[in-house]
Amino acid sequence: MTESGPAATAADSAAASTSTLETTALQRVHLPRIAIQFCTQCRWMLRAAYFAQELLSTFGTDLGEVALIPVTGGIFTITLWHAVQPESSAAGHESSVSTQETLLWDRKRDGGFPEVKVLKSRVRNVIAPNRDLGHTDRALKKDEQQDAEKQTELQEENRMKKKEKDCEDCL
């Protein structure tokens, strides 16, 4: 026996409404779009909201939208979708724009959570490579300089150890 009456029409209209909403939602995505997936079981919502707030404060209207997406399974990823125009478009023809997905951060791949300055730098490198991030850029350069100095010290230390070992062998 098939259902008829208000219950059947409500279900039919709900199904039609859902497909309409899905289509409408796809049409209303504003680029560039950042999606932060966070594990609700791990209670990472505040961390995700903090990163979203920092990105919105820094980039403002340069971002189309920032989405918080609750998931499970220890996932924490930050993904950026942005428009890319094809380089080879015929003169006089309107070029089509495609969307590119860039995984900015994956907790499992990158080992933990990002520092805000690193995340801002990665977003900037994709959406506005020439933009100056002020104190964030200075902090990143300082960190890079310190890392280079540490690397140089380690190389020198290894060279000295090798030299000492060579001298011990001579005795």
Protein backbone atom coordinates (compact mmCIF):
# COMPACT_ATOMS: atom_id res chain seq x y z
CA MET A 1 0.00 0.00 0.00
CA THR A 2 1.38 3.39 -0.93
CA GLU A 3 1.18 6.43 1.25
CA SER A 4 -0.91 9.34 0.19
CA GLY A 5 -1.98 12.56 1.73
CA PRO A 6 0.03 15.11 3.72
CA ALA A 7 2.71 12.65 4.92
CA ALA A 8 3.58 11.56 1.38
CA THR A 9 3.63 15.08 -0.03
CA ALA A 10 5.76 16.31 2.87
CA ALA A 11 8.32 13.56 2.21
CA ASP A 12 8.30 14.27 -1.53
CA SER A 13 8.74 18.00 -1.01
CA ALA A 14 11.52 17.37 1.54
CA ALA A 15 13.39 15.22 -1.01
CA ALA A 16 12.92 17.83 -3.71
CA SER A 17 13.94 20.55 -1.27
CA THR A 18 17.12 18.67 -0.35
CA SER A 19 18.24 18.35 -3.96
CA THR A 20 17.45 22.02 -4.53
CA LEU A 21 19.44 22.98 -1.44
CA GLU A 22 22.44 20.94 -2.60
CA THR A 23 22.39 22.65 -5.98
CA THR A 24 21.92 26.07 -4.44
CA ALA A 25 24.69 25.48 -1.91
CA LEU A 26 27.13 24.59 -4.67
CA GLN A 27 26.32 27.81 -6.45
CA ARG A 28 26.95 29.96 -3.38
CA VAL A 29 30.52 28.96 -2.55
CA HIS A 30 32.74 32.02 -2.26
CA LEU A 31 36.39 31.59 -3.22
CA PRO A 32 38.96 31.41 -1.84
CA ARG A 33 37.40 29.01 0.65
CA ILE A 34 39.18 27.54 3.65
CA ALA A 35 37.75 24.42 5.27
CA ILE A 36 39.00 23.36 8.68
CA GLN A 37 38.06 19.77 9.48
CA PHE A 38 38.39 18.99 13.18
CA CYS A 39 37.72 15.91 15.31
CA THR A 40 34.83 16.44 17.71
CA GLN A 41 35.81 13.40 19.78
CA CYS A 42 39.23 14.97 20.40
CA ARG A 43 37.55 18.27 21.35
CA TRP A 44 39.45 20.34 18.80
CA MET A 45 36.58 22.73 18.03
CA LEU A 46 38.09 25.67 19.93
CA ARG A 47 41.44 25.17 18.21
CA ALA A 48 39.70 25.13 14.81
CA ALA A 49 37.69 28.24 15.68
CA TYR A 50 40.88 29.99 16.83
CA PHE A 51 42.61 29.28 13.51
CA ALA A 52 39.52 30.47 11.62
CA GLN A 53 39.43 33.69 13.65
CA GLU A 54 43.15 34.34 13.05
CA LEU A 55 42.79 33.82 9.29
CA LEU A 56 39.71 36.05 9.09
CA SER A 57 41.43 38.75 11.14
CA THR A 58 44.51 38.70 8.93
CA PHE A 59 43.00 38.25 5.47
CA GLY A 60 39.53 39.78 5.96
CA THR A 61 37.67 40.10 2.69
CA ASP A 62 40.49 38.47 0.71
CA LEU A 63 38.90 35.21 1.88
CA GLY A 64 35.54 34.22 0.46
CA GLU A 65 34.64 32.02 3.41
CA VAL A 66 36.05 29.93 6.23
CA ALA A 67 34.18 26.75 7.14
CA LEU A 68 34.43 24.64 10.28
CA ILE A 69 33.62 21.02 9.50
CA PRO A 70 33.13 18.61 12.42
CA VAL A 71 34.40 15.06 11.78
CA THR A 72 35.69 12.15 13.86
CA GLY A 73 38.73 9.91 13.80
CA GLY A 74 41.45 12.27 15.00
CA ILE A 75 41.36 14.33 11.81
CA PHE A 76 42.56 17.92 11.72
CA THR A 77 43.07 19.29 8.21
CA ILE A 78 43.04 22.75 6.70
CA THR A 79 42.19 22.87 3.01
CA LEU A 80 42.05 25.84 0.66
CA TRP A 81 40.02 26.02 -2.55
CA HIS A 82 40.84 28.87 -4.89
CA ALA A 83 40.09 29.91 -8.44
CA VAL A 84 42.68 29.22 -11.12
CA GLN A 85 42.50 30.70 -14.60
CA PRO A 86 44.02 28.61 -17.35
CA GLU A 87 47.14 30.24 -18.80
CA SER A 88 46.38 29.26 -22.39
CA SER A 89 43.12 30.94 -23.28
CA ALA A 90 42.39 32.08 -26.79
CA ALA A 91 42.31 35.82 -27.36
CA GLY A 92 38.81 37.20 -27.49
CA HIS A 93 37.28 34.17 -25.78
CA GLU A 94 36.04 34.35 -22.25
CA SER A 95 38.26 32.01 -20.26
CA SER A 96 36.77 29.56 -17.84
CA VAL A 97 37.90 29.48 -14.24
CA SER A 98 38.53 26.19 -12.49
CA THR A 99 38.88 25.46 -8.80
CA GLN A 100 42.06 24.08 -7.28
CA GLU A 101 42.26 22.34 -3.91
CA THR A 102 45.38 22.79 -1.77
CA LEU A 103 45.91 20.88 1.46
CA LEU A 104 47.57 23.47 3.69
CA TRP A 105 47.87 21.36 6.83
CA ASP A 106 47.24 17.78 7.87
CA ARG A 107 47.91 16.96 11.50
CA LYS A 108 49.06 13.44 10.66
CA ARG A 109 51.23 14.44 7.68
CA ASP A 110 52.74 17.58 9.20
CA GLY A 111 53.08 16.35 12.78
CA GLY A 112 50.70 18.12 15.12
CA PHE A 113 49.05 21.48 14.74
CA PRO A 114 50.39 24.47 12.82
CA GLU A 115 51.80 27.59 14.36
CA VAL A 116 49.56 30.48 13.36
CA LYS A 117 52.40 32.28 11.57
CA VAL A 118 53.12 29.18 9.45
CA LEU A 119 49.44 28.75 8.58
CA LYS A 120 49.08 32.42 7.62
CA SER A 121 52.18 32.16 5.47
CA ARG A 122 50.84 29.10 3.64
CA VAL A 123 47.50 30.80 2.99
CA ARG A 124 49.25 33.97 1.79
CA ASN A 125 51.55 32.00 -0.53
CA VAL A 126 48.48 30.69 -2.38
CA ILE A 127 46.00 33.58 -2.41
CA ALA A 128 48.28 36.66 -2.39
CA PRO A 129 51.97 35.76 -2.83
CA ASN A 130 53.11 39.40 -2.92
CA ARG A 131 51.30 40.37 0.28
CA ASP A 132 53.41 41.37 3.28
CA LEU A 133 52.36 39.80 6.57
CA GLY A 134 54.38 42.23 8.68
CA HIS A 135 55.43 40.77 12.02
CA THR A 136 54.47 37.27 10.89
CA ASP A 137 56.98 37.42 8.02
CA ARG A 138 59.65 38.82 10.33
CA ALA A 139 59.07 36.02 12.85
CA LEU A 140 59.27 33.38 10.10
CA LYS A 141 62.52 34.87 8.76
CA LYS A 142 63.95 34.90 12.28
CA ASP A 143 62.99 31.24 12.75
CA GLU A 144 64.53 30.32 9.39
CA GLN A 145 67.71 32.19 10.32
CA GLN A 146 67.93 30.37 13.65
CA ASP A 147 67.37 27.02 11.93
CA ALA A 148 70.14 27.81 9.44
CA GLU A 149 72.51 28.75 12.29
CA LYS A 150 71.69 25.52 14.13
CA GLN A 151 72.30 23.53 10.96
CA THR A 152 75.67 25.26 10.46
CA GLU A 153 76.63 24.56 14.08
CA LEU A 154 75.70 20.88 13.71
CA GLN A 155 77.73 20.58 10.52
CA GLU A 156 80.74 22.23 12.20
CA GLU A 157 80.35 19.97 15.24
CA ASN A 158 80.22 16.87 13.04
CA ARG A 159 83.28 18.05 11.11
CA MET A 160 85.21 18.58 14.37
CA LYS A 161 84.20 15.13 15.68
CA LYS A 162 85.39 13.54 12.46
CA LYS A 163 88.66 15.46 12.65
CA GLU A 164 89.18 14.37 16.29
CA LYS A 165 88.49 10.76 15.33
CA ASP A 166 90.98 11.01 12.48
CA CYS A 167 93.59 12.35 14.91
CA GLU A 168 92.91 9.54 17.42
CA ASP A 169 93.49 6.99 14.67
CA CYS A 170 96.90 8.52 13.94
CA LEU A 171 98.14 8.02 17.52
